[in-house]
Amino acid sequence: MHRSVEIIKQPRLRLIESVSNLSTEQLNKVPEGFNNNIIWNLAHMVAAQQGVCYRRSGLDLVVAETFFDSYKPGTKPEQFVDADEITAIKEQLISTLDKFETDIDKGIFSNYTQVVTRYGVELRNIDDAISFLPFHDGLHIGYVMALRRLL
């Protein structure tokens, strides 16, 4: 396993564990003062990784385009996420990283289009994108922790 992918995967595994005892309703709850919920944050982490790695490299997404469009940056929860979709989102948090690791080994991320993120970080290549992901995930894990306290 690539060390950089492991650094992304381990916090995601702990995040899944930390929300495993929450109900479907709790995962979907948008508390006062917030514009998203716990399950949106988990799904957004998947979508953001897909966008910053695959889309920026001119590659097809591993997830469905409709999933990506629902959870990409700039979105918010638009509908109730049922138990089956919650299970799928939790699985995708890990399965997309497993696929990503395989794709890194294949060397398919060679055509990267540079971008400056909304946080002022310039991503020039896939290595920059990989370095950015733990920061991004960490922000959303922090939101999940805050949302959990309000349940």
N, C-alpha and C. Protein backbone atom coordinates (compact mmCIF):
# COMPACT_ATOMS: atom_id res chain seq x y z
N MET A 1 0.84 -1.19 0.00
CA MET A 1 0.00 0.00 0.00
C MET A 1 0.88 1.25 0.00
N HIS A 2 0.48 2.20 -0.81
CA HIS A 2 1.19 3.48 -0.83
C HIS A 2 0.97 4.19 0.51
N ARG A 3 2.02 4.68 1.08
CA ARG A 3 1.93 5.36 2.37
C ARG A 3 0.98 6.56 2.29
N SER A 4 1.03 7.31 1.20
CA SER A 4 0.18 8.49 1.05
C SER A 4 -1.30 8.12 1.02
N VAL A 5 -1.64 7.00 0.40
CA VAL A 5 -3.03 6.55 0.37
C VAL A 5 -3.44 6.02 1.74
N GLU A 6 -2.53 5.35 2.42
CA GLU A 6 -2.81 4.85 3.77
C GLU A 6 -3.13 6.01 4.73
N ILE A 7 -2.43 7.13 4.56
CA ILE A 7 -2.66 8.31 5.41
C ILE A 7 -4.05 8.89 5.18
N ILE A 8 -4.60 8.69 4.01
CA ILE A 8 -5.97 9.12 3.71
C ILE A 8 -6.96 8.07 4.21
N LYS A 9 -6.64 6.80 4.02
CA LYS A 9 -7.57 5.71 4.31
C LYS A 9 -7.83 5.52 5.81
N GLN A 10 -6.80 5.57 6.62
CA GLN A 10 -6.98 5.28 8.05
C GLN A 10 -7.97 6.23 8.74
N PRO A 11 -7.86 7.54 8.56
CA PRO A 11 -8.88 8.42 9.16
C PRO A 11 -10.28 8.16 8.61
N ARG A 12 -10.38 7.79 7.35
CA ARG A 12 -11.70 7.48 6.79
C ARG A 12 -12.29 6.24 7.45
N LEU A 13 -11.46 5.23 7.71
CA LEU A 13 -11.95 4.02 8.39
C LEU A 13 -12.44 4.38 9.80
N ARG A 14 -11.71 5.22 10.49
CA ARG A 14 -12.12 5.63 11.85
C ARG A 14 -13.39 6.48 11.79
N LEU A 15 -13.51 7.29 10.76
CA LEU A 15 -14.71 8.10 10.59
C LEU A 15 -15.94 7.22 10.41
N ILE A 16 -15.82 6.22 9.55
CA ILE A 16 -16.93 5.28 9.33
C ILE A 16 -17.32 4.62 10.66
N GLU A 17 -16.32 4.20 11.41
CA GLU A 17 -16.57 3.58 12.71
C GLU A 17 -17.27 4.56 13.66
N SER A 18 -16.86 5.82 13.64
CA SER A 18 -17.41 6.80 14.58
C SER A 18 -18.87 7.15 14.29
N VAL A 19 -19.34 6.91 13.08
CA VAL A 19 -20.74 7.23 12.76
C VAL A 19 -21.59 5.96 12.60
N SER A 20 -21.00 4.81 12.85
CA SER A 20 -21.70 3.54 12.60
C SER A 20 -22.92 3.34 13.50
N ASN A 21 -22.93 3.98 14.68
CA ASN A 21 -24.07 3.81 15.58
C ASN A 21 -25.16 4.86 15.39
N LEU A 22 -25.00 5.74 14.41
CA LEU A 22 -26.00 6.79 14.17
C LEU A 22 -27.10 6.27 13.24
N SER A 23 -28.29 6.74 13.47
CA SER A 23 -29.43 6.34 12.64
C SER A 23 -29.40 7.06 11.29
N THR A 24 -30.18 6.57 10.38
CA THR A 24 -30.33 7.21 9.06
C THR A 24 -30.80 8.65 9.25
N GLU A 25 -31.72 8.87 10.16
CA GLU A 25 -32.24 10.21 10.41
C GLU A 25 -31.15 11.12 10.97
N GLN A 26 -30.34 10.60 11.89
CA GLN A 26 -29.25 11.40 12.46
C GLN A 26 -28.22 11.76 11.40
N LEU A 27 -27.90 10.83 10.51
CA LEU A 27 -26.92 11.09 9.45
C LEU A 27 -27.43 12.14 8.47
N ASN A 28 -28.73 12.26 8.34
CA ASN A 28 -29.35 13.21 7.41
C ASN A 28 -29.70 14.56 8.05
N LYS A 29 -29.62 14.66 9.35
CA LYS A 29 -30.05 15.88 10.05
C LYS A 29 -29.09 17.04 9.76
N VAL A 30 -29.68 18.16 9.36
CA VAL A 30 -28.94 19.42 9.16
C VAL A 30 -29.29 20.33 10.35
N PRO A 31 -28.38 20.43 11.32
CA PRO A 31 -28.69 21.25 12.50
C PRO A 31 -28.76 22.74 12.15
N GLU A 32 -29.44 23.46 13.00
CA GLU A 32 -29.52 24.92 12.89
C GLU A 32 -28.11 25.51 12.80
N GLY A 33 -27.90 26.40 11.86
CA GLY A 33 -26.60 27.04 11.71
C GLY A 33 -25.66 26.31 10.77
N PHE A 34 -26.05 25.14 10.31
CA PHE A 34 -25.24 24.37 9.36
C PHE A 34 -25.98 24.28 8.03
N ASN A 35 -25.22 24.05 6.94
CA ASN A 35 -25.89 23.90 5.64
C ASN A 35 -25.68 22.50 5.06
N ASN A 36 -25.14 21.59 5.88
CA ASN A 36 -25.02 20.21 5.42
C ASN A 36 -25.14 19.26 6.61
N ASN A 37 -25.01 17.97 6.32
CA ASN A 37 -25.18 16.96 7.36
C ASN A 37 -24.01 15.97 7.32
N ILE A 38 -24.06 15.00 8.20
CA ILE A 38 -22.94 14.05 8.30
C ILE A 38 -22.78 13.25 7.02
N ILE A 39 -23.86 12.70 6.50
CA ILE A 39 -23.71 11.84 5.32
C ILE A 39 -23.27 12.64 4.10
N TRP A 40 -23.71 13.89 3.98
CA TRP A 40 -23.22 14.73 2.88
C TRP A 40 -21.71 14.89 2.98
N ASN A 41 -21.17 15.12 4.17
CA ASN A 41 -19.74 15.29 4.34
C ASN A 41 -18.98 14.05 3.91
N LEU A 42 -19.46 12.87 4.27
CA LEU A 42 -18.80 11.63 3.85
C LEU A 42 -18.81 11.50 2.33
N ALA A 43 -19.97 11.72 1.73
CA ALA A 43 -20.09 11.62 0.28
C ALA A 43 -19.25 12.69 -0.42
N HIS A 44 -19.20 13.87 0.15
CA HIS A 44 -18.40 14.95 -0.42
C HIS A 44 -16.91 14.60 -0.44
N MET A 45 -16.44 13.92 0.58
CA MET A 45 -15.04 13.51 0.61
C MET A 45 -14.73 12.60 -0.58
N VAL A 46 -15.65 11.71 -0.90
CA VAL A 46 -15.49 10.83 -2.06
C VAL A 46 -15.49 11.67 -3.34
N ALA A 47 -16.49 12.54 -3.48
CA ALA A 47 -16.62 13.34 -4.71
C ALA A 47 -15.42 14.26 -4.91
N ALA A 48 -14.95 14.88 -3.84
CA ALA A 48 -13.82 15.80 -3.95
C ALA A 48 -12.57 15.06 -4.42
N GLN A 49 -12.32 13.87 -3.87
CA GLN A 49 -11.16 13.07 -4.30
C GLN A 49 -11.29 12.71 -5.78
N GLN A 50 -12.48 12.38 -6.20
CA GLN A 50 -12.71 12.05 -7.61
C GLN A 50 -12.43 13.25 -8.50
N GLY A 51 -12.90 14.40 -8.09
CA GLY A 51 -12.69 15.60 -8.89
C GLY A 51 -11.25 16.04 -8.95
N VAL A 52 -10.60 16.08 -7.78
CA VAL A 52 -9.23 16.60 -7.72
C VAL A 52 -8.23 15.63 -8.34
N CYS A 53 -8.55 14.34 -8.37
CA CYS A 53 -7.62 13.36 -8.93
C CYS A 53 -8.00 12.94 -10.35
N TYR A 54 -9.19 12.43 -10.53
CA TYR A 54 -9.59 11.89 -11.84
C TYR A 54 -10.01 12.98 -12.82
N ARG A 55 -10.95 13.81 -12.41
CA ARG A 55 -11.46 14.85 -13.32
C ARG A 55 -10.34 15.77 -13.76
N ARG A 56 -9.48 16.19 -12.83
CA ARG A 56 -8.36 17.09 -13.17
C ARG A 56 -7.34 16.41 -14.07
N SER A 57 -7.34 15.09 -14.10
CA SER A 57 -6.43 14.34 -14.96
C SER A 57 -7.08 13.98 -16.29
N GLY A 58 -8.30 14.46 -16.50
CA GLY A 58 -9.01 14.17 -17.74
C GLY A 58 -9.50 12.74 -17.83
N LEU A 59 -9.68 12.09 -16.69
CA LEU A 59 -10.08 10.68 -16.66
C LEU A 59 -11.54 10.53 -16.24
N ASP A 60 -12.12 9.39 -16.58
CA ASP A 60 -13.47 9.08 -16.13
C ASP A 60 -13.47 8.91 -14.62
N LEU A 61 -14.56 9.32 -14.00
CA LEU A 61 -14.71 9.15 -12.56
C LEU A 61 -14.97 7.67 -12.25
N VAL A 62 -14.58 7.27 -11.06
CA VAL A 62 -14.85 5.91 -10.59
C VAL A 62 -16.30 5.82 -10.12
N VAL A 63 -16.84 6.92 -9.61
CA VAL A 63 -18.23 6.97 -9.13
C VAL A 63 -19.13 7.45 -10.26
N ALA A 64 -20.43 7.26 -10.08
CA ALA A 64 -21.41 7.72 -11.07
C ALA A 64 -21.38 9.24 -11.16
N GLU A 65 -21.59 9.74 -12.34
CA GLU A 65 -21.62 11.20 -12.56
C GLU A 65 -22.71 11.85 -11.72
N THR A 66 -23.85 11.19 -11.55
CA THR A 66 -24.93 11.74 -10.74
C THR A 66 -24.52 11.86 -9.27
N PHE A 67 -23.76 10.87 -8.79
CA PHE A 67 -23.23 10.94 -7.43
C PHE A 67 -22.30 12.14 -7.30
N PHE A 68 -21.37 12.26 -8.23
CA PHE A 68 -20.41 13.36 -8.21
C PHE A 68 -21.14 14.70 -8.22
N ASP A 69 -22.11 14.84 -9.10
CA ASP A 69 -22.85 16.11 -9.22
C ASP A 69 -23.61 16.45 -7.93
N SER A 70 -24.05 15.44 -7.20
CA SER A 70 -24.80 15.67 -5.96
C SER A 70 -23.92 16.11 -4.80
N TYR A 71 -22.63 15.74 -4.84
CA TYR A 71 -21.76 15.96 -3.68
C TYR A 71 -20.49 16.74 -3.97
N LYS A 72 -20.33 17.24 -5.18
CA LYS A 72 -19.11 17.99 -5.52
C LYS A 72 -19.08 19.31 -4.74
N PRO A 73 -17.91 19.98 -4.74
CA PRO A 73 -17.83 21.27 -4.05
C PRO A 73 -18.92 22.22 -4.54
N GLY A 74 -19.49 22.96 -3.58
CA GLY A 74 -20.54 23.91 -3.91
C GLY A 74 -21.94 23.36 -3.77
N THR A 75 -22.06 22.06 -3.45
CA THR A 75 -23.39 21.47 -3.29
C THR A 75 -23.76 21.45 -1.81
N LYS A 76 -25.01 21.09 -1.56
CA LYS A 76 -25.50 20.88 -0.20
C LYS A 76 -26.55 19.78 -0.28
N PRO A 77 -26.94 19.22 0.86
CA PRO A 77 -27.93 18.14 0.82
C PRO A 77 -29.23 18.61 0.18
N GLU A 78 -29.66 17.86 -0.82
CA GLU A 78 -30.89 18.21 -1.53
C GLU A 78 -32.01 17.20 -1.27
N GLN A 79 -31.65 16.01 -0.76
CA GLN A 79 -32.67 14.98 -0.53
C GLN A 79 -32.22 14.07 0.60
N PHE A 80 -33.18 13.34 1.14
CA PHE A 80 -32.92 12.38 2.21
C PHE A 80 -32.14 11.20 1.62
N VAL A 81 -31.08 10.80 2.29
CA VAL A 81 -30.25 9.67 1.86
C VAL A 81 -30.69 8.45 2.64
N ASP A 82 -31.17 7.42 1.92
CA ASP A 82 -31.69 6.23 2.61
C ASP A 82 -30.56 5.30 3.06
N ALA A 83 -30.93 4.28 3.81
CA ALA A 83 -29.95 3.37 4.42
C ALA A 83 -29.07 2.67 3.38
N ASP A 84 -29.65 2.28 2.25
CA ASP A 84 -28.86 1.60 1.21
C ASP A 84 -27.80 2.53 0.64
N GLU A 85 -28.18 3.78 0.38
CA GLU A 85 -27.21 4.74 -0.16
C GLU A 85 -26.14 5.09 0.89
N ILE A 86 -26.53 5.14 2.14
CA ILE A 86 -25.56 5.39 3.21
C ILE A 86 -24.51 4.28 3.23
N THR A 87 -24.97 3.04 3.12
CA THR A 87 -24.04 1.91 3.07
C THR A 87 -23.10 2.05 1.88
N ALA A 88 -23.64 2.43 0.73
CA ALA A 88 -22.83 2.59 -0.48
C ALA A 88 -21.80 3.71 -0.31
N ILE A 89 -22.20 4.80 0.31
CA ILE A 89 -21.28 5.93 0.53
C ILE A 89 -20.13 5.49 1.43
N LYS A 90 -20.44 4.79 2.51
CA LYS A 90 -19.39 4.30 3.41
C LYS A 90 -18.43 3.38 2.67
N GLU A 91 -18.97 2.51 1.83
CA GLU A 91 -18.12 1.60 1.04
C GLU A 91 -17.25 2.39 0.06
N GLN A 92 -17.82 3.41 -0.56
CA GLN A 92 -17.06 4.20 -1.54
C GLN A 92 -15.95 5.01 -0.89
N LEU A 93 -16.10 5.36 0.36
CA LEU A 93 -15.02 6.08 1.05
C LEU A 93 -13.72 5.27 1.00
N ILE A 94 -13.84 3.95 1.01
CA ILE A 94 -12.67 3.08 0.99
C ILE A 94 -12.41 2.51 -0.40
N SER A 95 -13.43 2.03 -1.08
CA SER A 95 -13.24 1.38 -2.39
C SER A 95 -12.64 2.33 -3.43
N THR A 96 -13.02 3.61 -3.36
CA THR A 96 -12.44 4.56 -4.32
C THR A 96 -10.96 4.78 -4.06
N LEU A 97 -10.54 4.66 -2.81
CA LEU A 97 -9.10 4.77 -2.50
C LEU A 97 -8.35 3.53 -2.96
N ASP A 98 -8.98 2.36 -2.84
CA ASP A 98 -8.34 1.13 -3.34
C ASP A 98 -8.14 1.21 -4.85
N LYS A 99 -9.16 1.68 -5.56
CA LYS A 99 -9.07 1.84 -7.01
C LYS A 99 -8.03 2.91 -7.35
N PHE A 100 -8.01 3.98 -6.59
CA PHE A 100 -7.05 5.07 -6.79
C PHE A 100 -5.62 4.54 -6.68
N GLU A 101 -5.38 3.72 -5.68
CA GLU A 101 -4.05 3.15 -5.50
C GLU A 101 -3.64 2.29 -6.70
N THR A 102 -4.57 1.50 -7.20
CA THR A 102 -4.31 0.69 -8.40
C THR A 102 -4.01 1.59 -9.59
N ASP A 103 -4.77 2.66 -9.71
CA ASP A 103 -4.58 3.58 -10.84
C ASP A 103 -3.28 4.37 -10.73
N ILE A 104 -2.85 4.67 -9.50
CA ILE A 104 -1.54 5.31 -9.32
C ILE A 104 -0.45 4.38 -9.86
N ASP A 105 -0.55 3.11 -9.51
CA ASP A 105 0.43 2.12 -9.96
C ASP A 105 0.45 2.00 -11.49
N LYS A 106 -0.70 2.20 -12.10
CA LYS A 106 -0.79 2.14 -13.57
C LYS A 106 -0.22 3.41 -14.22
N GLY A 107 -0.02 4.46 -13.45
CA GLY A 107 0.53 5.69 -13.98
C GLY A 107 -0.41 6.48 -14.87
N ILE A 108 -1.72 6.41 -14.59
CA ILE A 108 -2.69 7.04 -15.49
C ILE A 108 -2.92 8.53 -15.23
N PHE A 109 -2.30 9.08 -14.18
CA PHE A 109 -2.56 10.47 -13.82
C PHE A 109 -1.51 11.42 -14.39
N SER A 110 -1.16 11.22 -15.63
CA SER A 110 -0.05 11.99 -16.22
C SER A 110 -0.48 13.30 -16.88
N ASN A 111 -1.76 13.47 -17.11
CA ASN A 111 -2.26 14.64 -17.84
C ASN A 111 -3.02 15.57 -16.89
N TYR A 112 -2.36 16.03 -15.84
CA TYR A 112 -3.02 16.78 -14.78
C TYR A 112 -3.15 18.26 -15.16
N THR A 113 -4.36 18.80 -15.00
CA THR A 113 -4.62 20.21 -15.25
C THR A 113 -4.50 20.95 -13.92
N GLN A 114 -3.59 21.90 -13.86
CA GLN A 114 -3.33 22.64 -12.63
C GLN A 114 -4.56 23.41 -12.18
N VAL A 115 -4.63 23.62 -10.87
CA VAL A 115 -5.72 24.38 -10.28
C VAL A 115 -5.23 24.98 -8.97
N VAL A 116 -5.81 26.12 -8.61
CA VAL A 116 -5.61 26.67 -7.28
C VAL A 116 -6.92 26.43 -6.54
N THR A 117 -6.85 25.71 -5.42
CA THR A 117 -8.05 25.39 -4.66
C THR A 117 -8.62 26.62 -3.99
N ARG A 118 -9.82 26.50 -3.49
CA ARG A 118 -10.45 27.61 -2.77
C ARG A 118 -9.69 27.98 -1.51
N TYR A 119 -8.76 27.10 -1.09
CA TYR A 119 -7.93 27.35 0.09
C TYR A 119 -6.57 27.95 -0.28
N GLY A 120 -6.40 28.29 -1.56
CA GLY A 120 -5.18 28.93 -2.01
C GLY A 120 -4.03 27.98 -2.28
N VAL A 121 -4.32 26.68 -2.33
CA VAL A 121 -3.28 25.68 -2.57
C VAL A 121 -3.22 25.37 -4.06
N GLU A 122 -2.04 25.53 -4.66
CA GLU A 122 -1.87 25.20 -6.07
C GLU A 122 -1.58 23.71 -6.21
N LEU A 123 -2.41 23.05 -7.00
CA LEU A 123 -2.21 21.64 -7.31
C LEU A 123 -1.69 21.56 -8.73
N ARG A 124 -0.42 21.19 -8.88
CA ARG A 124 0.22 21.15 -10.20
C ARG A 124 0.22 19.77 -10.82
N ASN A 125 0.07 18.73 -9.99
CA ASN A 125 0.15 17.36 -10.48
C ASN A 125 -0.53 16.43 -9.48
N ILE A 126 -0.57 15.15 -9.79
CA ILE A 126 -1.27 14.19 -8.93
C ILE A 126 -0.61 14.10 -7.56
N ASP A 127 0.68 14.28 -7.47
CA ASP A 127 1.34 14.24 -6.16
C ASP A 127 0.86 15.37 -5.27
N ASP A 128 0.69 16.56 -5.85
CA ASP A 128 0.13 17.68 -5.08
C ASP A 128 -1.29 17.36 -4.63
N ALA A 129 -2.07 16.76 -5.53
CA ALA A 129 -3.45 16.40 -5.20
C ALA A 129 -3.49 15.41 -4.03
N ILE A 130 -2.62 14.41 -4.08
CA ILE A 130 -2.55 13.42 -3.00
C ILE A 130 -2.16 14.09 -1.68
N SER A 131 -1.26 15.03 -1.74
CA SER A 131 -0.84 15.75 -0.53
C SER A 131 -1.96 16.62 0.03
N PHE A 132 -2.83 17.12 -0.83
CA PHE A 132 -3.93 18.00 -0.44
C PHE A 132 -5.08 17.23 0.22
N LEU A 133 -5.29 15.99 -0.17
CA LEU A 133 -6.46 15.24 0.29
C LEU A 133 -6.56 15.08 1.81
N PRO A 134 -5.48 14.78 2.55
CA PRO A 134 -5.63 14.68 4.01
C PRO A 134 -6.10 15.99 4.65
N PHE A 135 -5.64 17.12 4.14
CA PHE A 135 -6.11 18.42 4.64
C PHE A 135 -7.61 18.55 4.40
N HIS A 136 -8.04 18.27 3.17
CA HIS A 136 -9.45 18.41 2.81
C HIS A 136 -10.31 17.46 3.63
N ASP A 137 -9.90 16.19 3.70
CA ASP A 137 -10.66 15.23 4.50
C ASP A 137 -10.73 15.68 5.96
N GLY A 138 -9.62 16.20 6.46
CA GLY A 138 -9.57 16.64 7.85
C GLY A 138 -10.58 17.74 8.15
N LEU A 139 -10.75 18.66 7.22
CA LEU A 139 -11.77 19.70 7.40
C LEU A 139 -13.15 19.07 7.56
N HIS A 140 -13.46 18.13 6.70
CA HIS A 140 -14.79 17.53 6.72
C HIS A 140 -14.97 16.57 7.89
N ILE A 141 -13.91 15.93 8.33
CA ILE A 141 -13.99 15.12 9.55
C ILE A 141 -14.29 16.03 10.73
N GLY A 142 -13.69 17.21 10.75
CA GLY A 142 -13.98 18.19 11.79
C GLY A 142 -15.45 18.61 11.79
N TYR A 143 -16.01 18.83 10.61
CA TYR A 143 -17.43 19.16 10.52
C TYR A 143 -18.29 18.02 11.05
N VAL A 144 -17.91 16.78 10.68
CA VAL A 144 -18.67 15.62 11.16
C VAL A 144 -18.65 15.56 12.69
N MET A 145 -17.49 15.80 13.26
CA MET A 145 -17.37 15.79 14.73
C MET A 145 -18.26 16.86 15.36
N ALA A 146 -18.30 18.03 14.76
CA ALA A 146 -19.16 19.11 15.27
C ALA A 146 -20.63 18.74 15.11
N LEU A 147 -20.99 18.18 13.97
CA LEU A 147 -22.38 17.79 13.73
C LEU A 147 -22.82 16.70 14.71
N ARG A 148 -21.93 15.75 15.00
CA ARG A 148 -22.24 14.67 15.95
C ARG A 148 -22.59 15.24 17.32
N ARG A 149 -21.88 16.25 17.75
CA ARG A 149 -22.13 16.85 19.07
C ARG A 149 -23.51 17.48 19.15
N LEU A 150 -24.07 17.85 18.01
CA LEU A 150 -25.38 18.51 18.00
C LEU A 150 -26.55 17.53 17.90
N LEU A 151 -26.24 16.26 17.79
CA LEU A 151 -27.32 15.27 17.65
C LEU A 151 -27.91 14.89 19.00
